[in-house]
Amino acid sequence: MPATINLKPLDRFAAQISQSLAGPSPGPMRKVMKQWGEIYRSWSLERFDKFSKGGGGWPPLKQSTIRRRRKGKGKGTVAILVDTATLKAGLRPVLNTNKGGLQKDIRGGVRVGYGGSTRHPKGKATIHAIAKYHQSGAPPHLPARSIIVDLPDRSPAMKQMVALTQKALGLEWRKATA
């Protein structure tokens, strides 16, 4: 005796997710994308802080840079890429106050990083351009210091993103099968 499987709920489920990810709709998946951006920026900010203090993979500052930053005053360490804290501020999870920070809904996800036309407070270049300059470096004078990187699969941030996604998918499934 043959069995019949009704795939209409699965089709509705797929359509709901696709529609939610296609644009700025208020559905559960779009909400998750916003949360993903905030989680990523928070993780990036923690990484930036660690690396700027010499606890990561960024090359150290040259002695000439350290002397210039201290302006002949005192001793101790000078944080990497934190002269004005502008790049660091662009990663803060609350974006509406962060000049140069970017979080934008895109089809199928969210774009996070640096963007816009806000000028850096110490020059003519935009914050986005300066972040890009440091991201790729300019050998031999400026080593690359990657700010925007892939999130590690086993990080607490990734685990949080997976849990939020699973919850949102559950909500979408319940709507599709109601």
C-alpha atoms as a PDB file:
ATOM      1  CA  MET A   1       0.000   0.000   0.000  1.00  0.00           C
ATOM      2  CA  PRO A   2       1.605   3.342  -1.046  1.00  0.00           C
ATOM      3  CA  ALA A   3       1.986   6.245   1.349  1.00  0.00           C
ATOM      4  CA  THR A   4       1.307   9.880   0.514  1.00  0.00           C
ATOM      5  CA  ILE A   5       3.434  12.558   2.114  1.00  0.00           C
ATOM      6  CA  ASN A   6       2.044  16.079   2.218  1.00  0.00           C
ATOM      7  CA  LEU A   7       4.915  18.481   1.448  1.00  0.00           C
ATOM      8  CA  LYS A   8       2.782  21.638   1.462  1.00  0.00           C
ATOM      9  CA  PRO A   9       3.812  22.602   5.023  1.00  0.00           C
ATOM     10  CA  LEU A  10       7.460  22.184   4.041  1.00  0.00           C
ATOM     11  CA  ASP A  11       6.895  24.345   0.949  1.00  0.00           C
ATOM     12  CA  ARG A  12       5.228  27.035   3.126  1.00  0.00           C
ATOM     13  CA  PHE A  13       8.114  26.786   5.608  1.00  0.00           C
ATOM     14  CA  ALA A  14      10.726  27.286   2.873  1.00  0.00           C
ATOM     15  CA  ALA A  15       8.747  30.183   1.364  1.00  0.00           C
ATOM     16  CA  GLN A  16       8.407  31.912   4.754  1.00  0.00           C
ATOM     17  CA  ILE A  17      12.134  31.660   5.437  1.00  0.00           C
ATOM     18  CA  SER A  18      12.999  32.853   1.939  1.00  0.00           C
ATOM     19  CA  GLN A  19      10.602  35.802   2.252  1.00  0.00           C
ATOM     20  CA  SER A  20      11.908  36.704   5.707  1.00  0.00           C
ATOM     21  CA  LEU A  21      15.527  36.661   4.491  1.00  0.00           C
ATOM     22  CA  ALA A  22      14.755  38.539   1.262  1.00  0.00           C
ATOM     23  CA  GLY A  23      14.323  41.912   2.875  1.00  0.00           C
ATOM     24  CA  PRO A  24      13.526  43.925   5.952  1.00  0.00           C
ATOM     25  CA  SER A  25      10.400  41.954   6.895  1.00  0.00           C
ATOM     26  CA  PRO A  26       9.639  41.632  10.604  1.00  0.00           C
ATOM     27  CA  GLY A  27       9.737  37.813  10.608  1.00  0.00           C
ATOM     28  CA  PRO A  28      11.724  35.648  13.029  1.00  0.00           C
ATOM     29  CA  MET A  29      14.586  35.014  10.584  1.00  0.00           C
ATOM     30  CA  ARG A  30      15.128  38.725   9.879  1.00  0.00           C
ATOM     31  CA  LYS A  31      15.171  39.333  13.639  1.00  0.00           C
ATOM     32  CA  VAL A  32      17.828  36.622  13.967  1.00  0.00           C
ATOM     33  CA  MET A  33      19.936  38.293  11.263  1.00  0.00           C
ATOM     34  CA  LYS A  34      19.876  41.527  13.282  1.00  0.00           C
ATOM     35  CA  GLN A  35      20.913  39.599  16.388  1.00  0.00           C
ATOM     36  CA  TRP A  36      23.674  37.879  14.419  1.00  0.00           C
ATOM     37  CA  GLY A  37      25.097  41.275  13.465  1.00  0.00           C
ATOM     38  CA  GLU A  38      25.054  42.445  17.079  1.00  0.00           C
ATOM     39  CA  ILE A  39      26.659  39.217  18.316  1.00  0.00           C
ATOM     40  CA  TYR A  40      29.345  39.396  15.626  1.00  0.00           C
ATOM     41  CA  ARG A  41      30.166  43.024  16.420  1.00  0.00           C
ATOM     42  CA  SER A  42      30.354  42.231  20.141  1.00  0.00           C
ATOM     43  CA  TRP A  43      32.680  39.300  19.447  1.00  0.00           C
ATOM     44  CA  SER A  44      34.771  41.468  17.099  1.00  0.00           C
ATOM     45  CA  LEU A  45      35.010  44.204  19.719  1.00  0.00           C
ATOM     46  CA  GLU A  46      36.316  41.718  22.309  1.00  0.00           C
ATOM     47  CA  ARG A  47      38.808  40.359  19.762  1.00  0.00           C
ATOM     48  CA  PHE A  48      39.890  43.890  18.806  1.00  0.00           C
ATOM     49  CA  ASP A  49      40.474  44.742  22.469  1.00  0.00           C
ATOM     50  CA  LYS A  50      42.513  41.586  23.055  1.00  0.00           C
ATOM     51  CA  PHE A  51      44.592  42.012  19.893  1.00  0.00           C
ATOM     52  CA  SER A  52      45.189  45.731  20.460  1.00  0.00           C
ATOM     53  CA  LYS A  53      46.736  44.918  23.835  1.00  0.00           C
ATOM     54  CA  GLY A  54      49.161  42.445  22.252  1.00  0.00           C
ATOM     55  CA  GLY A  55      47.196  39.315  23.137  1.00  0.00           C
ATOM     56  CA  GLY A  56      46.477  38.210  19.595  1.00  0.00           C
ATOM     57  CA  GLY A  57      48.039  37.849  16.199  1.00  0.00           C
ATOM     58  CA  TRP A  58      48.590  41.496  15.255  1.00  0.00           C
ATOM     59  CA  PRO A  59      52.187  42.590  14.668  1.00  0.00           C
ATOM     60  CA  PRO A  60      53.448  44.931  17.405  1.00  0.00           C
ATOM     61  CA  LEU A  61      53.807  48.661  16.854  1.00  0.00           C
ATOM     62  CA  LYS A  62      57.153  50.041  15.741  1.00  0.00           C
ATOM     63  CA  GLN A  63      59.108  51.995  18.335  1.00  0.00           C
ATOM     64  CA  SER A  64      58.755  55.161  16.239  1.00  0.00           C
ATOM     65  CA  THR A  65      54.953  54.844  16.418  1.00  0.00           C
ATOM     66  CA  ILE A  66      55.060  54.299  20.166  1.00  0.00           C
ATOM     67  CA  ARG A  67      57.276  57.389  20.659  1.00  0.00           C
ATOM     68  CA  ARG A  68      54.970  59.510  18.480  1.00  0.00           C
ATOM     69  CA  ARG A  69      51.881  58.370  20.361  1.00  0.00           C
ATOM     70  CA  ARG A  70      53.440  59.077  23.763  1.00  0.00           C
ATOM     71  CA  LYS A  71      54.678  62.462  22.560  1.00  0.00           C
ATOM     72  CA  GLY A  72      57.690  62.085  24.850  1.00  0.00           C
ATOM     73  CA  LYS A  73      55.563  61.357  27.928  1.00  0.00           C
ATOM     74  CA  GLY A  74      55.927  58.345  30.174  1.00  0.00           C
ATOM     75  CA  LYS A  75      56.524  54.686  29.595  1.00  0.00           C
ATOM     76  CA  GLY A  76      54.382  51.605  29.315  1.00  0.00           C
ATOM     77  CA  THR A  77      52.421  50.092  26.496  1.00  0.00           C
ATOM     78  CA  VAL A  78      50.546  51.730  23.664  1.00  0.00           C
ATOM     79  CA  ALA A  79      47.524  49.887  22.284  1.00  0.00           C
ATOM     80  CA  ILE A  80      47.547  48.837  18.631  1.00  0.00           C
ATOM     81  CA  LEU A  81      44.967  50.670  16.438  1.00  0.00           C
ATOM     82  CA  VAL A  82      43.577  52.582  19.429  1.00  0.00           C
ATOM     83  CA  ASP A  83      45.116  56.032  19.018  1.00  0.00           C
ATOM     84  CA  THR A  84      41.673  57.673  18.856  1.00  0.00           C
ATOM     85  CA  ALA A  85      39.565  54.509  19.487  1.00  0.00           C
ATOM     86  CA  THR A  86      37.555  55.345  16.344  1.00  0.00           C
ATOM     87  CA  LEU A  87      37.972  51.917  14.713  1.00  0.00           C
ATOM     88  CA  LYS A  88      37.191  50.176  17.982  1.00  0.00           C
ATOM     89  CA  ALA A  89      34.048  52.282  18.461  1.00  0.00           C
ATOM     90  CA  GLY A  90      32.760  51.232  15.024  1.00  0.00           C
ATOM     91  CA  LEU A  91      32.399  47.671  16.315  1.00  0.00           C
ATOM     92  CA  ARG A  92      30.171  48.479  19.288  1.00  0.00           C
ATOM     93  CA  PRO A  93      26.936  46.460  19.205  1.00  0.00           C
ATOM     94  CA  VAL A  94      24.748  49.574  19.483  1.00  0.00           C
ATOM     95  CA  LEU A  95      25.185  51.023  16.013  1.00  0.00           C
ATOM     96  CA  ASN A  96      23.178  54.231  16.066  1.00  0.00           C
ATOM     97  CA  THR A  97      25.946  55.987  18.004  1.00  0.00           C
ATOM     98  CA  ASN A  98      28.901  54.485  16.137  1.00  0.00           C
ATOM     99  CA  LYS A  99      30.374  56.555  13.371  1.00  0.00           C
ATOM    100  CA  GLY A 100      31.852  54.356  10.685  1.00  0.00           C
ATOM    101  CA  GLY A 101      30.198  51.175  11.920  1.00  0.00           C
ATOM    102  CA  LEU A 102      28.032  49.171   9.538  1.00  0.00           C
ATOM    103  CA  GLN A 103      25.215  46.696   9.957  1.00  0.00           C
ATOM    104  CA  LYS A 104      22.914  46.342   6.994  1.00  0.00           C
ATOM    105  CA  ASP A 105      20.178  43.885   6.093  1.00  0.00           C
ATOM    106  CA  ILE A 106      21.020  42.151   2.844  1.00  0.00           C
ATOM    107  CA  ARG A 107      19.185  39.450   0.924  1.00  0.00           C
ATOM    108  CA  GLY A 108      19.837  36.209   2.778  1.00  0.00           C
ATOM    109  CA  GLY A 109      21.730  37.714   5.701  1.00  0.00           C
ATOM    110  CA  VAL A 110      23.362  40.725   7.235  1.00  0.00           C
ATOM    111  CA  ARG A 111      26.478  42.742   6.332  1.00  0.00           C
ATOM    112  CA  VAL A 112      28.657  43.873   9.232  1.00  0.00           C
ATOM    113  CA  GLY A 113      31.861  45.896   9.347  1.00  0.00           C
ATOM    114  CA  TYR A 114      32.791  49.455   8.492  1.00  0.00           C
ATOM    115  CA  GLY A 115      31.106  51.744   6.004  1.00  0.00           C
ATOM    116  CA  GLY A 116      29.724  55.147   5.255  1.00  0.00           C
ATOM    117  CA  SER A 117      31.295  58.493   4.544  1.00  0.00           C
ATOM    118  CA  THR A 118      32.150  59.618   8.098  1.00  0.00           C
ATOM    119  CA  ARG A 119      35.643  61.076   8.188  1.00  0.00           C
ATOM    120  CA  HIS A 120      38.204  59.947  10.730  1.00  0.00           C
ATOM    121  CA  PRO A 121      38.716  62.675  13.378  1.00  0.00           C
ATOM    122  CA  LYS A 122      42.453  62.928  12.599  1.00  0.00           C
ATOM    123  CA  GLY A 123      42.374  63.211   8.843  1.00  0.00           C
ATOM    124  CA  LYS A 124      40.607  63.382   5.517  1.00  0.00           C
ATOM    125  CA  ALA A 125      40.058  59.651   4.979  1.00  0.00           C
ATOM    126  CA  THR A 126      36.821  57.939   5.925  1.00  0.00           C
ATOM    127  CA  ILE A 127      36.731  55.520   8.863  1.00  0.00           C
ATOM    128  CA  HIS A 128      35.817  52.811   6.356  1.00  0.00           C
ATOM    129  CA  ALA A 129      38.919  53.557   4.254  1.00  0.00           C
ATOM    130  CA  ILE A 130      41.205  53.512   7.291  1.00  0.00           C
ATOM    131  CA  ALA A 131      39.747  50.189   8.472  1.00  0.00           C
ATOM    132  CA  LYS A 132      40.259  48.760   4.984  1.00  0.00           C
ATOM    133  CA  TYR A 133      43.832  50.106   4.914  1.00  0.00           C
ATOM    134  CA  HIS A 134      44.668  48.403   8.219  1.00  0.00           C
ATOM    135  CA  GLN A 135      42.807  45.216   7.235  1.00  0.00           C
ATOM    136  CA  SER A 136      45.009  44.642   4.181  1.00  0.00           C
ATOM    137  CA  GLY A 137      48.113  46.574   5.252  1.00  0.00           C
ATOM    138  CA  ALA A 138      50.565  48.456   3.078  1.00  0.00           C
ATOM    139  CA  PRO A 139      53.937  46.683   3.164  1.00  0.00           C
ATOM    140  CA  PRO A 140      56.622  47.434   4.129  1.00  0.00           C
ATOM    141  CA  HIS A 141      55.475  50.274   6.413  1.00  0.00           C
ATOM    142  CA  LEU A 142      52.064  49.074   7.591  1.00  0.00           C
ATOM    143  CA  PRO A 143      51.510  45.420   8.427  1.00  0.00           C
ATOM    144  CA  ALA A 144      48.055  43.909   7.903  1.00  0.00           C
ATOM    145  CA  ARG A 145      45.974  43.795  11.064  1.00  0.00           C
ATOM    146  CA  SER A 146      42.759  41.966  10.236  1.00  0.00           C
ATOM    147  CA  ILE A 147      39.791  43.450  12.062  1.00  0.00           C
ATOM    148  CA  ILE A 148      36.890  41.804  10.221  1.00  0.00           C
ATOM    149  CA  VAL A 149      37.436  38.038  10.196  1.00  0.00           C
ATOM    150  CA  ASP A 150      35.391  34.849  10.107  1.00  0.00           C
ATOM    151  CA  LEU A 151      33.781  33.869  13.371  1.00  0.00           C
ATOM    152  CA  PRO A 152      35.304  30.637  14.750  1.00  0.00           C
ATOM    153  CA  ASP A 153      32.903  27.677  14.510  1.00  0.00           C
ATOM    154  CA  ARG A 154      33.343  26.683  18.140  1.00  0.00           C
ATOM    155  CA  SER A 155      33.161  30.124  19.687  1.00  0.00           C
ATOM    156  CA  PRO A 156      30.482  30.984  22.243  1.00  0.00           C
ATOM    157  CA  ALA A 157      29.254  33.651  19.807  1.00  0.00           C
ATOM    158  CA  MET A 158      28.691  31.057  17.065  1.00  0.00           C
ATOM    159  CA  LYS A 159      26.909  28.770  19.521  1.00  0.00           C
ATOM    160  CA  GLN A 160      24.634  31.662  20.478  1.00  0.00           C
ATOM    161  CA  MET A 161      23.900  32.369  16.795  1.00  0.00           C
ATOM    162  CA  VAL A 162      23.034  28.696  16.183  1.00  0.00           C
ATOM    163  CA  ALA A 163      20.698  28.598  19.203  1.00  0.00           C
ATOM    164  CA  LEU A 164      18.880  31.766  18.078  1.00  0.00           C
ATOM    165  CA  THR A 165      18.533  30.369  14.560  1.00  0.00           C
ATOM    166  CA  GLN A 166      17.126  27.070  15.799  1.00  0.00           C
ATOM    167  CA  LYS A 167      14.543  28.922  17.877  1.00  0.00           C
ATOM    168  CA  ALA A 168      13.533  31.115  14.916  1.00  0.00           C
ATOM    169  CA  LEU A 169      13.262  28.095  12.620  1.00  0.00           C
ATOM    170  CA  GLY A 170      10.997  26.452  15.199  1.00  0.00           C
ATOM    171  CA  LEU A 171       8.732  29.521  15.155  1.00  0.00           C
ATOM    172  CA  GLU A 172       8.670  29.519  11.354  1.00  0.00           C
ATOM    173  CA  TRP A 173       7.837  25.789  11.288  1.00  0.00           C
ATOM    174  CA  ARG A 174       4.943  26.241  13.729  1.00  0.00           C
ATOM    175  CA  LYS A 175       3.538  29.020  11.497  1.00  0.00           C
ATOM    176  CA  ALA A 176       3.920  26.861   8.381  1.00  0.00           C
ATOM    177  CA  THR A 177       2.154  23.876   9.934  1.00  0.00           C
ATOM    178  CA  ALA A 178      -0.625  25.736  11.786  1.00  0.00           C
END
